[in-house]
N, C-alpha and C. Protein backbone atom coordinates (compact mmCIF):
# COMPACT_ATOMS: atom_id res chain seq x y z
N MET A 1 -8.12 -43.79 71.73
CA MET A 1 -9.22 -44.63 71.29
C MET A 1 -10.16 -43.83 70.33
N LYS A 2 -10.60 -44.49 69.28
CA LYS A 2 -11.35 -43.87 68.27
C LYS A 2 -12.85 -43.78 68.72
N TYR A 3 -13.41 -42.60 68.56
CA TYR A 3 -14.87 -42.44 68.84
C TYR A 3 -15.76 -43.22 67.91
N ILE A 4 -16.70 -43.87 68.45
CA ILE A 4 -17.70 -44.66 67.64
C ILE A 4 -18.98 -43.82 67.54
N SER A 5 -19.32 -43.31 66.27
CA SER A 5 -20.52 -42.59 66.17
C SER A 5 -21.78 -43.44 66.51
N ARG A 6 -22.86 -42.79 67.04
CA ARG A 6 -24.06 -43.53 67.45
C ARG A 6 -25.20 -42.96 66.62
N ASN A 7 -26.14 -43.86 66.26
CA ASN A 7 -27.39 -43.44 65.60
C ASN A 7 -28.19 -42.34 66.31
N LEU A 8 -28.05 -42.40 67.65
CA LEU A 8 -28.85 -41.53 68.47
C LEU A 8 -28.38 -40.06 68.42
N GLU A 9 -27.21 -39.83 67.96
CA GLU A 9 -26.65 -38.42 67.80
C GLU A 9 -27.52 -37.46 67.08
N ASN A 10 -28.11 -37.88 65.96
CA ASN A 10 -28.99 -36.96 65.24
C ASN A 10 -30.29 -36.61 65.98
N VAL A 11 -30.80 -37.58 66.76
CA VAL A 11 -31.99 -37.29 67.54
C VAL A 11 -31.67 -36.41 68.66
N VAL A 12 -30.57 -36.59 69.32
CA VAL A 12 -30.15 -35.75 70.38
C VAL A 12 -29.89 -34.25 69.83
N ASN A 13 -29.23 -34.13 68.78
CA ASN A 13 -29.01 -32.79 68.16
C ASN A 13 -30.33 -32.09 67.91
N GLN A 14 -31.28 -32.85 67.36
CA GLN A 14 -32.57 -32.28 67.08
C GLN A 14 -33.37 -31.86 68.27
N VAL A 15 -33.50 -32.75 69.27
CA VAL A 15 -34.36 -32.40 70.41
C VAL A 15 -33.75 -31.39 71.27
N THR A 16 -32.43 -31.25 71.31
CA THR A 16 -31.82 -30.14 72.08
C THR A 16 -32.14 -28.78 71.53
N LYS A 17 -32.53 -28.72 70.25
CA LYS A 17 -32.98 -27.47 69.62
C LYS A 17 -34.39 -27.16 70.02
N GLU A 18 -35.16 -28.19 70.30
CA GLU A 18 -36.65 -28.01 70.59
C GLU A 18 -36.98 -27.95 72.09
N TYR A 19 -36.21 -28.53 72.88
CA TYR A 19 -36.61 -28.63 74.33
C TYR A 19 -35.47 -28.13 75.19
N PRO A 20 -35.84 -27.45 76.29
CA PRO A 20 -34.77 -26.92 77.19
C PRO A 20 -34.03 -28.02 78.06
N VAL A 21 -34.68 -29.17 78.20
CA VAL A 21 -34.05 -30.23 78.97
C VAL A 21 -34.22 -31.56 78.25
N VAL A 22 -33.12 -32.30 78.11
CA VAL A 22 -33.22 -33.67 77.57
C VAL A 22 -32.46 -34.61 78.50
N LEU A 23 -33.20 -35.75 78.79
CA LEU A 23 -32.65 -36.71 79.62
C LEU A 23 -32.26 -37.91 78.84
N VAL A 24 -31.04 -38.38 78.88
CA VAL A 24 -30.62 -39.53 78.14
C VAL A 24 -30.40 -40.62 79.21
N THR A 25 -31.13 -41.78 79.01
CA THR A 25 -30.91 -42.93 79.98
C THR A 25 -30.64 -44.15 79.18
N GLY A 26 -30.10 -45.09 79.88
CA GLY A 26 -29.77 -46.36 79.27
C GLY A 26 -28.90 -47.22 80.14
N PRO A 27 -28.46 -48.39 79.72
CA PRO A 27 -27.62 -49.27 80.49
C PRO A 27 -26.32 -48.59 80.84
N ARG A 28 -25.65 -49.10 81.84
CA ARG A 28 -24.34 -48.62 82.19
C ARG A 28 -23.28 -48.93 81.10
N GLN A 29 -22.32 -48.08 80.96
CA GLN A 29 -21.12 -48.31 80.12
C GLN A 29 -21.45 -48.54 78.60
N VAL A 30 -22.43 -47.89 78.07
CA VAL A 30 -22.74 -48.03 76.61
C VAL A 30 -22.36 -46.74 75.91
N GLY A 31 -21.85 -45.76 76.58
CA GLY A 31 -21.27 -44.54 75.82
C GLY A 31 -22.24 -43.37 75.82
N LYS A 32 -23.17 -43.30 76.74
CA LYS A 32 -24.02 -42.05 76.86
C LYS A 32 -23.20 -40.83 77.05
N THR A 33 -22.40 -40.88 78.16
CA THR A 33 -21.64 -39.66 78.43
C THR A 33 -20.59 -39.30 77.35
N THR A 34 -20.00 -40.32 76.82
CA THR A 34 -19.01 -40.07 75.70
C THR A 34 -19.70 -39.45 74.55
N MET A 35 -20.81 -39.90 74.14
CA MET A 35 -21.64 -39.38 73.04
C MET A 35 -21.96 -37.90 73.28
N LEU A 36 -22.52 -37.65 74.53
CA LEU A 36 -22.90 -36.27 74.79
C LEU A 36 -21.71 -35.33 74.88
N GLN A 37 -20.56 -35.78 75.42
CA GLN A 37 -19.41 -34.97 75.47
C GLN A 37 -18.91 -34.69 74.08
N LYS A 38 -18.94 -35.62 73.17
CA LYS A 38 -18.55 -35.42 71.82
C LYS A 38 -19.51 -34.44 71.18
N LEU A 39 -20.83 -34.52 71.35
CA LEU A 39 -21.76 -33.59 70.73
C LEU A 39 -21.53 -32.20 71.24
N MET A 40 -21.05 -32.01 72.46
CA MET A 40 -20.93 -30.68 73.04
C MET A 40 -19.66 -29.98 72.66
N GLU A 41 -18.73 -30.72 71.98
CA GLU A 41 -17.50 -30.09 71.63
C GLU A 41 -17.75 -28.90 70.78
N GLY A 42 -17.04 -27.74 70.99
CA GLY A 42 -17.22 -26.57 70.23
C GLY A 42 -18.49 -25.79 70.58
N THR A 43 -19.12 -26.18 71.55
CA THR A 43 -20.33 -25.34 72.03
C THR A 43 -19.96 -24.72 73.42
N LYS A 44 -20.92 -23.96 73.80
CA LYS A 44 -20.67 -23.21 75.13
C LYS A 44 -21.35 -24.05 76.24
N ARG A 45 -21.77 -25.27 76.02
CA ARG A 45 -22.42 -26.13 77.01
C ARG A 45 -21.28 -26.54 78.07
N GLY A 46 -21.65 -26.26 79.35
CA GLY A 46 -20.75 -26.65 80.44
C GLY A 46 -20.95 -28.17 80.78
N TYR A 47 -20.10 -28.66 81.65
CA TYR A 47 -20.21 -30.13 82.02
C TYR A 47 -19.85 -30.19 83.56
N VAL A 48 -20.63 -30.90 84.22
CA VAL A 48 -20.42 -31.30 85.63
C VAL A 48 -20.86 -32.67 85.87
N THR A 49 -20.13 -33.36 86.75
CA THR A 49 -20.57 -34.76 87.12
C THR A 49 -20.95 -34.83 88.51
N LEU A 50 -22.03 -35.52 88.79
CA LEU A 50 -22.34 -35.67 90.30
C LEU A 50 -21.68 -36.86 90.88
N ASP A 51 -20.70 -37.46 90.08
CA ASP A 51 -19.74 -38.48 90.68
C ASP A 51 -18.87 -37.63 91.66
N ASP A 52 -18.65 -36.37 91.44
CA ASP A 52 -17.91 -35.48 92.35
C ASP A 52 -18.82 -35.23 93.58
N LEU A 53 -18.40 -35.77 94.68
CA LEU A 53 -19.16 -35.72 95.93
C LEU A 53 -19.48 -34.30 96.37
N ASN A 54 -18.59 -33.34 96.15
CA ASN A 54 -18.86 -32.03 96.56
C ASN A 54 -20.05 -31.41 95.64
N GLU A 55 -19.95 -31.65 94.38
CA GLU A 55 -21.06 -31.16 93.54
C GLU A 55 -22.32 -31.87 93.87
N ARG A 56 -22.21 -33.18 94.10
CA ARG A 56 -23.51 -33.90 94.45
C ARG A 56 -24.14 -33.34 95.67
N HIS A 57 -23.29 -33.09 96.72
CA HIS A 57 -23.83 -32.46 97.96
C HIS A 57 -24.58 -31.14 97.66
N ILE A 58 -23.92 -30.25 96.93
CA ILE A 58 -24.63 -28.98 96.56
C ILE A 58 -25.95 -29.15 95.84
N ALA A 59 -25.91 -30.05 94.87
CA ALA A 59 -27.11 -30.34 94.09
C ALA A 59 -28.25 -30.94 94.89
N LYS A 60 -27.88 -31.74 95.91
CA LYS A 60 -28.93 -32.29 96.77
C LYS A 60 -29.39 -31.42 97.74
N THR A 61 -28.55 -30.61 98.40
CA THR A 61 -28.92 -29.78 99.52
C THR A 61 -29.36 -28.37 99.13
N ASP A 62 -28.86 -27.90 98.00
CA ASP A 62 -29.26 -26.56 97.48
C ASP A 62 -29.31 -26.50 95.96
N PRO A 63 -30.33 -27.10 95.41
CA PRO A 63 -30.41 -27.24 93.95
C PRO A 63 -30.37 -25.86 93.24
N GLU A 64 -30.96 -24.85 93.90
CA GLU A 64 -30.97 -23.48 93.34
C GLU A 64 -29.57 -22.92 93.21
N LEU A 65 -28.79 -23.12 94.27
CA LEU A 65 -27.33 -22.63 94.29
C LEU A 65 -26.56 -23.49 93.20
N PHE A 66 -26.79 -24.75 93.14
CA PHE A 66 -26.15 -25.48 92.18
C PHE A 66 -26.37 -25.00 90.69
N LEU A 67 -27.59 -24.67 90.35
CA LEU A 67 -27.91 -24.15 89.08
C LEU A 67 -27.40 -22.70 88.85
N GLN A 68 -27.24 -22.01 89.90
CA GLN A 68 -26.58 -20.69 89.78
C GLN A 68 -25.09 -20.81 89.52
N LEU A 69 -24.52 -21.83 90.10
CA LEU A 69 -23.02 -22.08 89.94
C LEU A 69 -22.78 -22.62 88.60
N HIS A 70 -23.68 -23.41 88.05
CA HIS A 70 -23.53 -24.07 86.81
C HIS A 70 -24.72 -23.68 85.85
N LYS A 71 -24.47 -22.58 85.21
CA LYS A 71 -25.47 -21.99 84.36
C LYS A 71 -25.73 -22.72 83.07
N PRO A 72 -27.02 -22.90 82.69
CA PRO A 72 -27.35 -23.62 81.52
C PRO A 72 -26.79 -22.73 80.31
N PRO A 73 -26.53 -23.49 79.19
CA PRO A 73 -26.73 -24.86 78.94
C PRO A 73 -25.66 -25.72 79.62
N ILE A 74 -26.05 -26.81 80.19
CA ILE A 74 -25.06 -27.64 80.94
C ILE A 74 -25.39 -29.15 80.77
N LEU A 75 -24.43 -29.93 80.72
CA LEU A 75 -24.55 -31.40 80.69
C LEU A 75 -24.26 -31.79 82.21
N ILE A 76 -25.27 -32.41 82.82
CA ILE A 76 -25.15 -32.84 84.24
C ILE A 76 -25.09 -34.39 84.15
N ASP A 77 -23.93 -34.89 84.35
CA ASP A 77 -23.67 -36.33 84.33
C ASP A 77 -24.10 -36.95 85.68
N GLU A 78 -24.67 -38.12 85.64
CA GLU A 78 -25.08 -38.91 86.87
C GLU A 78 -26.12 -38.10 87.65
N VAL A 79 -27.05 -37.46 86.98
CA VAL A 79 -28.01 -36.57 87.68
C VAL A 79 -28.95 -37.43 88.49
N GLN A 80 -29.00 -38.65 88.29
CA GLN A 80 -29.87 -39.52 89.12
C GLN A 80 -29.46 -39.47 90.61
N TYR A 81 -28.31 -39.07 90.88
CA TYR A 81 -27.79 -38.94 92.31
C TYR A 81 -28.38 -37.80 92.98
N ALA A 82 -29.05 -36.80 92.29
CA ALA A 82 -29.67 -35.63 92.85
C ALA A 82 -31.04 -35.38 92.21
N PRO A 83 -31.96 -36.20 92.59
CA PRO A 83 -33.31 -36.01 91.96
C PRO A 83 -33.93 -34.74 92.37
N GLU A 84 -33.41 -34.03 93.44
CA GLU A 84 -33.88 -32.76 93.81
C GLU A 84 -33.76 -31.66 92.76
N LEU A 85 -32.83 -31.92 91.77
CA LEU A 85 -32.63 -31.01 90.64
C LEU A 85 -33.85 -30.96 89.80
N PHE A 86 -34.50 -32.08 89.66
CA PHE A 86 -35.55 -32.17 88.63
C PHE A 86 -36.73 -31.14 88.78
N THR A 87 -37.00 -30.81 90.06
CA THR A 87 -38.10 -29.85 90.30
C THR A 87 -37.65 -28.40 89.89
N TYR A 88 -36.31 -28.16 89.78
CA TYR A 88 -35.84 -26.83 89.42
C TYR A 88 -35.69 -26.79 87.86
């Protein structure tokens, strides 16, 4: 499947240089994750999804350990499942 570029790509690239954390929100199934994964190609940014129930459990019960296991910079997909991470 061919990747469809998004106008938001330039904004995301700019703000990730200026801020340590960027939250991308929007409707389901519009390509947020696809865009972010495309933008992180060729970088050292890691990826983890909280759709993985084991990862979600660690993120919720021990956010500090989760962030030790997944060192920044990192793309955390479905982060809304572990709001406990936001305080860290």
